[in-house]
Amino acid sequence: MRAVASARLRSRGFTLVELLIALAIIGLITLLLFSGLRLGSRAWEAVDAVALRTGDLRLAHGFLARTLGQMRIISTTFDSEPILLFNGDAERIEFVAPLSDHVGIPGLYVLRLSLEGEGSKRNLVLSRWLYHPKVLEGGDDYPPWEPLQSGRGMSLDGFPTDMDAGGGAFGRTQLLEDVDVLRIAYYGLADGDSEPHWHEDWLKQTQWPTLVRIRLWTHSQTWPDLYVTVPGRQ
């Protein structure tokens, strides 16, 4: 009777080998579980980073589409010469469009989009002057406006890209960083042309183009070209 009871007690326990095997299996399962969590976390971070970069590029494209779609074609004089307030080349464009009061003073602004920086660290920057004679002449803490034409248009690289001066009348904002490609083209009947076609620049013209094409890519993302129809005279 005692022998049978002893055998039953032994059958209810675990041997050392069984315990070691169980611990090894538990350790392997734990390792696989944590490896999976780590892989999932890295994948989530990568997706999040891509979404953030794509979001920045999408916002920049949306801003360009809205602002260019609201541009005003205005003629003015500079140094006693009549000029059209629309000029641009392959990596810069300048025009007049309205901005809301969240930028400072609501109203029409001379807007200049340009690439600034060197090498692979180039950023898309928006510079703005309130379309008012006194503002365009410049102030104590911000530069005067000069037309974006061949040999004209002072460099603004020395001014910070988070600048807001003159009570909101002048400002500079970085729209997109790490820009890899910015290509602007202009379709229309330029002075001296017999038929409209695409141009790499639109400088010192007496009439405006009918279409603007912008290719804007970052180092990590590409995006379809943006086409904007230039509104008529307003």
C-alpha atoms as a PDB file:
ATOM      1  CA  MET A   1       0.000   0.000   0.000  1.00  0.00           C
ATOM      2  CA  ARG A   2       2.804   2.407   0.924  1.00  0.00           C
ATOM      3  CA  ALA A   3       4.618   1.599  -2.341  1.00  0.00           C
ATOM      4  CA  VAL A   4       1.527   2.426  -4.386  1.00  0.00           C
ATOM      5  CA  ALA A   5       1.048   5.794  -2.573  1.00  0.00           C
ATOM      6  CA  SER A   6       4.694   6.688  -3.072  1.00  0.00           C
ATOM      7  CA  ALA A   7       4.463   5.955  -6.795  1.00  0.00           C
ATOM      8  CA  ARG A   8       1.360   8.190  -7.065  1.00  0.00           C
ATOM      9  CA  LEU A   9       3.173  11.077  -5.330  1.00  0.00           C
ATOM     10  CA  ARG A  10       6.105  10.747  -7.676  1.00  0.00           C
ATOM     11  CA  SER A  11       3.787  10.789 -10.715  1.00  0.00           C
ATOM     12  CA  ARG A  12       2.305  14.149  -9.632  1.00  0.00           C
ATOM     13  CA  GLY A  13       5.660  16.068  -9.668  1.00  0.00           C
ATOM     14  CA  PHE A  14       8.146  17.197 -12.383  1.00  0.00           C
ATOM     15  CA  THR A  15      11.616  16.002 -12.969  1.00  0.00           C
ATOM     16  CA  LEU A  16      14.481  18.478 -13.274  1.00  0.00           C
ATOM     17  CA  VAL A  17      14.779  17.770 -17.001  1.00  0.00           C
ATOM     18  CA  GLU A  18      11.096  18.518 -17.561  1.00  0.00           C
ATOM     19  CA  LEU A  19      11.389  21.749 -15.602  1.00  0.00           C
ATOM     20  CA  LEU A  20      14.399  22.861 -17.648  1.00  0.00           C
ATOM     21  CA  ILE A  21      12.593  22.067 -20.900  1.00  0.00           C
ATOM     22  CA  ALA A  22       9.543  24.039 -19.746  1.00  0.00           C
ATOM     23  CA  LEU A  23      11.689  27.016 -18.792  1.00  0.00           C
ATOM     24  CA  ALA A  24      13.459  26.886 -22.155  1.00  0.00           C
ATOM     25  CA  ILE A  25      10.141  26.840 -24.015  1.00  0.00           C
ATOM     26  CA  ILE A  26       8.834  29.758 -21.947  1.00  0.00           C
ATOM     27  CA  GLY A  27      12.039  31.691 -22.623  1.00  0.00           C
ATOM     28  CA  LEU A  28      11.779  31.021 -26.373  1.00  0.00           C
ATOM     29  CA  ILE A  29       8.138  32.142 -26.448  1.00  0.00           C
ATOM     30  CA  THR A  30       9.027  35.300 -24.502  1.00  0.00           C
ATOM     31  CA  LEU A  31      11.890  36.040 -26.894  1.00  0.00           C
ATOM     32  CA  LEU A  32       9.660  35.606 -29.936  1.00  0.00           C
ATOM     33  CA  LEU A  33       6.976  37.750 -28.344  1.00  0.00           C
ATOM     34  CA  PHE A  34       9.344  40.630 -27.598  1.00  0.00           C
ATOM     35  CA  SER A  35      10.991  40.330 -31.030  1.00  0.00           C
ATOM     36  CA  GLY A  36       7.571  40.629 -32.656  1.00  0.00           C
ATOM     37  CA  LEU A  37       6.698  43.652 -30.544  1.00  0.00           C
ATOM     38  CA  ARG A  38      10.000  45.287 -31.411  1.00  0.00           C
ATOM     39  CA  LEU A  39       9.531  44.625 -35.118  1.00  0.00           C
ATOM     40  CA  GLY A  40       5.987  45.974 -34.952  1.00  0.00           C
ATOM     41  CA  SER A  41       7.176  49.077 -33.124  1.00  0.00           C
ATOM     42  CA  ARG A  42       9.863  49.749 -35.738  1.00  0.00           C
ATOM     43  CA  ALA A  43       7.391  49.225 -38.565  1.00  0.00           C
ATOM     44  CA  TRP A  44       4.963  51.640 -36.901  1.00  0.00           C
ATOM     45  CA  GLU A  45       7.677  54.271 -36.468  1.00  0.00           C
ATOM     46  CA  ALA A  46       8.716  53.885 -40.118  1.00  0.00           C
ATOM     47  CA  VAL A  47       5.127  54.255 -41.334  1.00  0.00           C
ATOM     48  CA  ASP A  48       4.666  57.252 -39.045  1.00  0.00           C
ATOM     49  CA  ALA A  49       7.806  58.925 -40.397  1.00  0.00           C
ATOM     50  CA  VAL A  50       6.762  58.332 -44.019  1.00  0.00           C
ATOM     51  CA  ALA A  51       3.279  59.674 -43.292  1.00  0.00           C
ATOM     52  CA  LEU A  52       4.802  62.789 -41.713  1.00  0.00           C
ATOM     53  CA  ARG A  53       7.067  63.435 -44.702  1.00  0.00           C
ATOM     54  CA  THR A  54       4.222  62.811 -47.137  1.00  0.00           C
ATOM     55  CA  GLY A  55       1.980  65.094 -45.093  1.00  0.00           C
ATOM     56  CA  ASP A  56       4.494  67.956 -45.288  1.00  0.00           C
ATOM     57  CA  LEU A  57       4.772  67.575 -49.053  1.00  0.00           C
ATOM     58  CA  ARG A  58       0.996  67.363 -49.426  1.00  0.00           C
ATOM     59  CA  LEU A  59       0.521  70.515 -47.346  1.00  0.00           C
ATOM     60  CA  ALA A  60       3.092  72.396 -49.442  1.00  0.00           C
ATOM     61  CA  HIS A  61       1.361  71.339 -52.664  1.00  0.00           C
ATOM     62  CA  GLY A  62      -2.024  72.316 -51.251  1.00  0.00           C
ATOM     63  CA  PHE A  63      -0.759  75.750 -50.229  1.00  0.00           C
ATOM     64  CA  LEU A  64       0.760  76.354 -53.664  1.00  0.00           C
ATOM     65  CA  ALA A  65      -2.414  75.277 -55.450  1.00  0.00           C
ATOM     66  CA  ARG A  66      -4.629  77.529 -53.310  1.00  0.00           C
ATOM     67  CA  THR A  67      -2.357  80.564 -53.382  1.00  0.00           C
ATOM     68  CA  LEU A  68      -1.491  80.434 -57.077  1.00  0.00           C
ATOM     69  CA  GLY A  69      -5.152  79.891 -57.873  1.00  0.00           C
ATOM     70  CA  GLN A  70      -5.976  83.195 -56.125  1.00  0.00           C
ATOM     71  CA  MET A  71      -3.208  85.284 -57.665  1.00  0.00           C
ATOM     72  CA  ARG A  72      -3.935  88.775 -58.903  1.00  0.00           C
ATOM     73  CA  ILE A  73      -2.320  89.965 -62.105  1.00  0.00           C
ATOM     74  CA  ILE A  74      -1.336  93.539 -61.319  1.00  0.00           C
ATOM     75  CA  SER A  75       0.856  96.051 -63.125  1.00  0.00           C
ATOM     76  CA  THR A  76       2.879  98.608 -61.190  1.00  0.00           C
ATOM     77  CA  THR A  77       5.906 100.850 -61.630  1.00  0.00           C
ATOM     78  CA  PHE A  78       9.403 100.375 -60.267  1.00  0.00           C
ATOM     79  CA  ASP A  79      12.128 102.965 -60.819  1.00  0.00           C
ATOM     80  CA  SER A  80       9.667 104.779 -63.100  1.00  0.00           C
ATOM     81  CA  GLU A  81       9.336 101.694 -65.320  1.00  0.00           C
ATOM     82  CA  PRO A  82       6.083  99.736 -65.747  1.00  0.00           C
ATOM     83  CA  ILE A  83       6.382  96.101 -64.679  1.00  0.00           C
ATOM     84  CA  LEU A  84       4.041  93.165 -64.361  1.00  0.00           C
ATOM     85  CA  LEU A  85       3.861  91.771 -60.828  1.00  0.00           C
ATOM     86  CA  PHE A  86       4.398  88.247 -62.021  1.00  0.00           C
ATOM     87  CA  ASN A  87       7.905  86.936 -62.604  1.00  0.00           C
ATOM     88  CA  GLY A  88       9.634  83.634 -62.243  1.00  0.00           C
ATOM     89  CA  ASP A  89      12.358  81.274 -63.321  1.00  0.00           C
ATOM     90  CA  ALA A  90      12.971  77.552 -62.864  1.00  0.00           C
ATOM     91  CA  GLU A  91      13.358  77.732 -59.056  1.00  0.00           C
ATOM     92  CA  ARG A  92      11.654  81.006 -58.062  1.00  0.00           C
ATOM     93  CA  ILE A  93       8.299  82.603 -58.658  1.00  0.00           C
ATOM     94  CA  GLU A  94       6.840  85.915 -57.539  1.00  0.00           C
ATOM     95  CA  PHE A  95       3.223  87.050 -57.743  1.00  0.00           C
ATOM     96  CA  VAL A  96       0.485  88.889 -55.847  1.00  0.00           C
ATOM     97  CA  ALA A  97      -2.211  87.007 -53.904  1.00  0.00           C
ATOM     98  CA  PRO A  98      -4.386  87.553 -50.834  1.00  0.00           C
ATOM     99  CA  LEU A  99      -3.502  86.122 -47.428  1.00  0.00           C
ATOM    100  CA  SER A 100      -5.791  85.853 -44.422  1.00  0.00           C
ATOM    101  CA  ASP A 101      -5.317  87.552 -41.054  1.00  0.00           C
ATOM    102  CA  HIS A 102      -3.568  84.524 -39.533  1.00  0.00           C
ATOM    103  CA  VAL A 103      -0.333  85.734 -41.170  1.00  0.00           C
ATOM    104  CA  GLY A 104      -0.590  89.236 -39.755  1.00  0.00           C
ATOM    105  CA  ILE A 105      -2.393  91.907 -41.756  1.00  0.00           C
ATOM    106  CA  PRO A 106      -5.119  90.591 -44.089  1.00  0.00           C
ATOM    107  CA  GLY A 107      -4.885  91.766 -47.679  1.00  0.00           C
ATOM    108  CA  LEU A 108      -2.878  91.423 -50.871  1.00  0.00           C
ATOM    109  CA  TYR A 109       0.785  90.427 -50.609  1.00  0.00           C
ATOM    110  CA  VAL A 110       3.719  90.220 -52.960  1.00  0.00           C
ATOM    111  CA  LEU A 111       4.725  86.589 -52.479  1.00  0.00           C
ATOM    112  CA  ARG A 112       8.071  85.113 -53.431  1.00  0.00           C
ATOM    113  CA  LEU A 113       8.692  81.366 -53.401  1.00  0.00           C
ATOM    114  CA  SER A 114      12.318  80.325 -53.664  1.00  0.00           C
ATOM    115  CA  LEU A 115      14.782  77.578 -52.807  1.00  0.00           C
ATOM    116  CA  GLU A 116      17.326  78.569 -50.201  1.00  0.00           C
ATOM    117  CA  GLY A 117      20.322  76.713 -48.863  1.00  0.00           C
ATOM    118  CA  GLU A 118      23.169  74.794 -50.425  1.00  0.00           C
ATOM    119  CA  GLY A 119      23.864  71.246 -51.522  1.00  0.00           C
ATOM    120  CA  SER A 120      21.348  68.692 -50.280  1.00  0.00           C
ATOM    121  CA  LYS A 121      20.014  71.010 -47.544  1.00  0.00           C
ATOM    122  CA  ARG A 122      17.718  73.230 -49.575  1.00  0.00           C
ATOM    123  CA  ASN A 123      14.380  74.445 -48.287  1.00  0.00           C
ATOM    124  CA  LEU A 124      11.342  76.009 -49.927  1.00  0.00           C
ATOM    125  CA  VAL A 125      10.801  79.440 -48.378  1.00  0.00           C
ATOM    126  CA  LEU A 126       7.936  81.901 -48.732  1.00  0.00           C
ATOM    127  CA  SER A 127       8.773  85.612 -48.373  1.00  0.00           C
ATOM    128  CA  ARG A 128       5.915  88.111 -48.276  1.00  0.00           C
ATOM    129  CA  TRP A 129       5.490  91.893 -48.420  1.00  0.00           C
ATOM    130  CA  LEU A 130       2.128  93.539 -47.840  1.00  0.00           C
ATOM    131  CA  TYR A 131       1.170  95.169 -51.130  1.00  0.00           C
ATOM    132  CA  HIS A 132       1.442  98.718 -49.890  1.00  0.00           C
ATOM    133  CA  PRO A 133       3.905 101.397 -51.093  1.00  0.00           C
ATOM    134  CA  LYS A 134       5.371 102.076 -47.646  1.00  0.00           C
ATOM    135  CA  VAL A 135       5.861  98.364 -46.916  1.00  0.00           C
ATOM    136  CA  LEU A 136       7.441  97.700 -50.319  1.00  0.00           C
ATOM    137  CA  GLU A 137       9.997 100.420 -49.571  1.00  0.00           C
ATOM    138  CA  GLY A 138      11.241  98.369 -46.610  1.00  0.00           C
ATOM    139  CA  GLY A 139      11.577  99.174 -42.945  1.00  0.00           C
ATOM    140  CA  ASP A 140      14.105  99.322 -40.158  1.00  0.00           C
ATOM    141  CA  ASP A 141      13.884  95.567 -39.532  1.00  0.00           C
ATOM    142  CA  TYR A 142      12.980  94.157 -42.943  1.00  0.00           C
ATOM    143  CA  PRO A 143      14.268  94.615 -46.517  1.00  0.00           C
ATOM    144  CA  PRO A 144      12.628  96.547 -49.357  1.00  0.00           C
ATOM    145  CA  TRP A 145      10.972  94.668 -52.171  1.00  0.00           C
ATOM    146  CA  GLU A 146      12.737  94.566 -55.516  1.00  0.00           C
ATOM    147  CA  PRO A 147      11.317  92.837 -58.611  1.00  0.00           C
ATOM    148  CA  LEU A 148      12.326  89.262 -59.229  1.00  0.00           C
ATOM    149  CA  GLN A 149      13.867  89.888 -62.632  1.00  0.00           C
ATOM    150  CA  SER A 150      17.204  89.290 -64.280  1.00  0.00           C
ATOM    151  CA  GLY A 151      19.823  91.045 -62.208  1.00  0.00           C
ATOM    152  CA  ARG A 152      17.259  92.315 -59.694  1.00  0.00           C
ATOM    153  CA  GLY A 153      15.637  91.037 -56.564  1.00  0.00           C
ATOM    154  CA  MET A 154      17.996  91.087 -53.608  1.00  0.00           C
ATOM    155  CA  SER A 155      18.906  87.838 -51.893  1.00  0.00           C
ATOM    156  CA  LEU A 156      17.011  87.178 -48.670  1.00  0.00           C
ATOM    157  CA  ASP A 157      19.206  84.316 -47.452  1.00  0.00           C
ATOM    158  CA  GLY A 158      20.490  86.451 -44.584  1.00  0.00           C
ATOM    159  CA  PHE A 159      17.048  86.834 -43.057  1.00  0.00           C
ATOM    160  CA  PRO A 160      15.648  84.045 -40.830  1.00  0.00           C
ATOM    161  CA  THR A 161      12.881  81.821 -42.192  1.00  0.00           C
ATOM    162  CA  ASP A 162      10.667  82.325 -39.146  1.00  0.00           C
ATOM    163  CA  MET A 163      10.686  86.109 -39.442  1.00  0.00           C
ATOM    164  CA  ASP A 164       7.639  88.313 -38.859  1.00  0.00           C
ATOM    165  CA  ALA A 165       8.261  92.063 -38.933  1.00  0.00           C
ATOM    166  CA  GLY A 166       6.394  95.303 -39.355  1.00  0.00           C
ATOM    167  CA  GLY A 167       3.388  94.069 -37.397  1.00  0.00           C
ATOM    168  CA  GLY A 168       2.879  91.268 -39.903  1.00  0.00           C
ATOM    169  CA  ALA A 169       3.519  93.375 -43.005  1.00  0.00           C
ATOM    170  CA  PHE A 170       6.647  91.355 -43.867  1.00  0.00           C
ATOM    171  CA  GLY A 171       7.442  87.746 -43.105  1.00  0.00           C
ATOM    172  CA  ARG A 172       9.386  84.658 -44.117  1.00  0.00           C
ATOM    173  CA  THR A 173       8.218  81.089 -43.607  1.00  0.00           C
ATOM    174  CA  GLN A 174       9.796  77.737 -44.412  1.00  0.00           C
ATOM    175  CA  LEU A 175       7.184  75.708 -46.290  1.00  0.00           C
ATOM    176  CA  LEU A 176       9.172  72.525 -46.922  1.00  0.00           C
ATOM    177  CA  GLU A 177      12.617  71.277 -45.951  1.00  0.00           C
ATOM    178  CA  ASP A 178      15.058  68.929 -47.697  1.00  0.00           C
ATOM    179  CA  VAL A 179      13.791  69.766 -51.178  1.00  0.00           C
ATOM    180  CA  ASP A 180      15.394  67.624 -53.858  1.00  0.00           C
ATOM    181  CA  VAL A 181      13.656  68.976 -56.963  1.00  0.00           C
ATOM    182  CA  LEU A 182      11.881  72.244 -57.676  1.00  0.00           C
ATOM    183  CA  ARG A 183      11.155  72.892 -61.327  1.00  0.00           C
ATOM    184  CA  ILE A 184       8.791  75.655 -62.413  1.00  0.00           C
ATOM    185  CA  ALA A 185       7.675  76.132 -66.027  1.00  0.00           C
ATOM    186  CA  TYR A 186       5.372  78.654 -67.649  1.00  0.00           C
ATOM    187  CA  TYR A 187       3.066  78.114 -70.609  1.00  0.00           C
ATOM    188  CA  GLY A 188       1.871  81.077 -72.604  1.00  0.00           C
ATOM    189  CA  LEU A 189       2.506  83.598 -75.321  1.00  0.00           C
ATOM    190  CA  ALA A 190       5.674  85.404 -74.282  1.00  0.00           C
ATOM    191  CA  ASP A 191       6.821  88.656 -75.858  1.00  0.00           C
ATOM    192  CA  GLY A 192       8.151  87.935 -79.337  1.00  0.00           C
ATOM    193  CA  ASP A 193       6.437  84.521 -79.630  1.00  0.00           C
ATOM    194  CA  SER A 194       4.046  83.730 -82.442  1.00  0.00           C
ATOM    195  CA  GLU A 195       2.508  80.775 -80.609  1.00  0.00           C
ATOM    196  CA  PRO A 196       2.266  79.857 -76.916  1.00  0.00           C
ATOM    197  CA  HIS A 197       4.622  77.203 -75.559  1.00  0.00           C
ATOM    198  CA  TRP A 198       6.445  76.204 -72.366  1.00  0.00           C
ATOM    199  CA  HIS A 199       9.162  78.507 -71.019  1.00  0.00           C
ATOM    200  CA  GLU A 200      11.793  77.952 -68.318  1.00  0.00           C
ATOM    201  CA  ASP A 201      11.376  81.517 -67.072  1.00  0.00           C
ATOM    202  CA  TRP A 202       8.909  84.365 -67.271  1.00  0.00           C
ATOM    203  CA  LEU A 203      10.855  87.568 -66.663  1.00  0.00           C
ATOM    204  CA  LYS A 204      10.314  91.133 -67.865  1.00  0.00           C
ATOM    205  CA  GLN A 205       7.178  90.134 -69.768  1.00  0.00           C
ATOM    206  CA  THR A 206       4.319  92.488 -70.625  1.00  0.00           C
ATOM    207  CA  GLN A 207       1.696  89.755 -70.350  1.00  0.00           C
ATOM    208  CA  TRP A 208       1.164  86.808 -68.086  1.00  0.00           C
ATOM    209  CA  PRO A 209       1.249  83.070 -68.821  1.00  0.00           C
ATOM    210  CA  THR A 210      -1.875  80.951 -68.974  1.00  0.00           C
ATOM    211  CA  LEU A 211      -0.515  77.960 -67.042  1.00  0.00           C
ATOM    212  CA  VAL A 212       2.136  77.275 -64.407  1.00  0.00           C
ATOM    213  CA  ARG A 213       3.617  73.824 -63.812  1.00  0.00           C
ATOM    214  CA  ILE A 214       5.469  73.033 -60.585  1.00  0.00           C
ATOM    215  CA  ARG A 215       7.427  69.860 -59.836  1.00  0.00           C
ATOM    216  CA  LEU A 216       8.223  69.676 -56.125  1.00  0.00           C
ATOM    217  CA  TRP A 217       9.932  66.625 -54.588  1.00  0.00           C
ATOM    218  CA  THR A 218      11.788  66.009 -51.358  1.00  0.00           C
ATOM    219  CA  HIS A 219      14.724  63.632 -50.877  1.00  0.00           C
ATOM    220  CA  SER A 220      12.337  60.954 -49.585  1.00  0.00           C
ATOM    221  CA  GLN A 221       9.096  61.603 -51.506  1.00  0.00           C
ATOM    222  CA  THR A 222       7.949  62.364 -55.035  1.00  0.00           C
ATOM    223  CA  TRP A 223       4.618  63.857 -56.009  1.00  0.00           C
ATOM    224  CA  PRO A 224       2.667  64.439 -59.241  1.00  0.00           C
ATOM    225  CA  ASP A 225       3.316  67.737 -60.992  1.00  0.00           C
ATOM    226  CA  LEU A 226       1.059  70.611 -59.998  1.00  0.00           C
ATOM    227  CA  TYR A 227      -0.686  72.514 -62.812  1.00  0.00           C
ATOM    228  CA  VAL A 228      -2.324  75.844 -62.009  1.00  0.00           C
ATOM    229  CA  THR A 229      -4.292  77.978 -64.440  1.00  0.00           C
ATOM    230  CA  VAL A 230      -3.406  81.646 -64.098  1.00  0.00           C
ATOM    231  CA  PRO A 231      -6.545  83.714 -63.505  1.00  0.00           C
ATOM    232  CA  GLY A 232      -7.339  86.607 -65.824  1.00  0.00           C
ATOM    233  CA  ARG A 233      -6.792  90.232 -64.936  1.00  0.00           C
ATOM    234  CA  GLN A 234      -8.653  91.198 -61.734  1.00  0.00           C
END
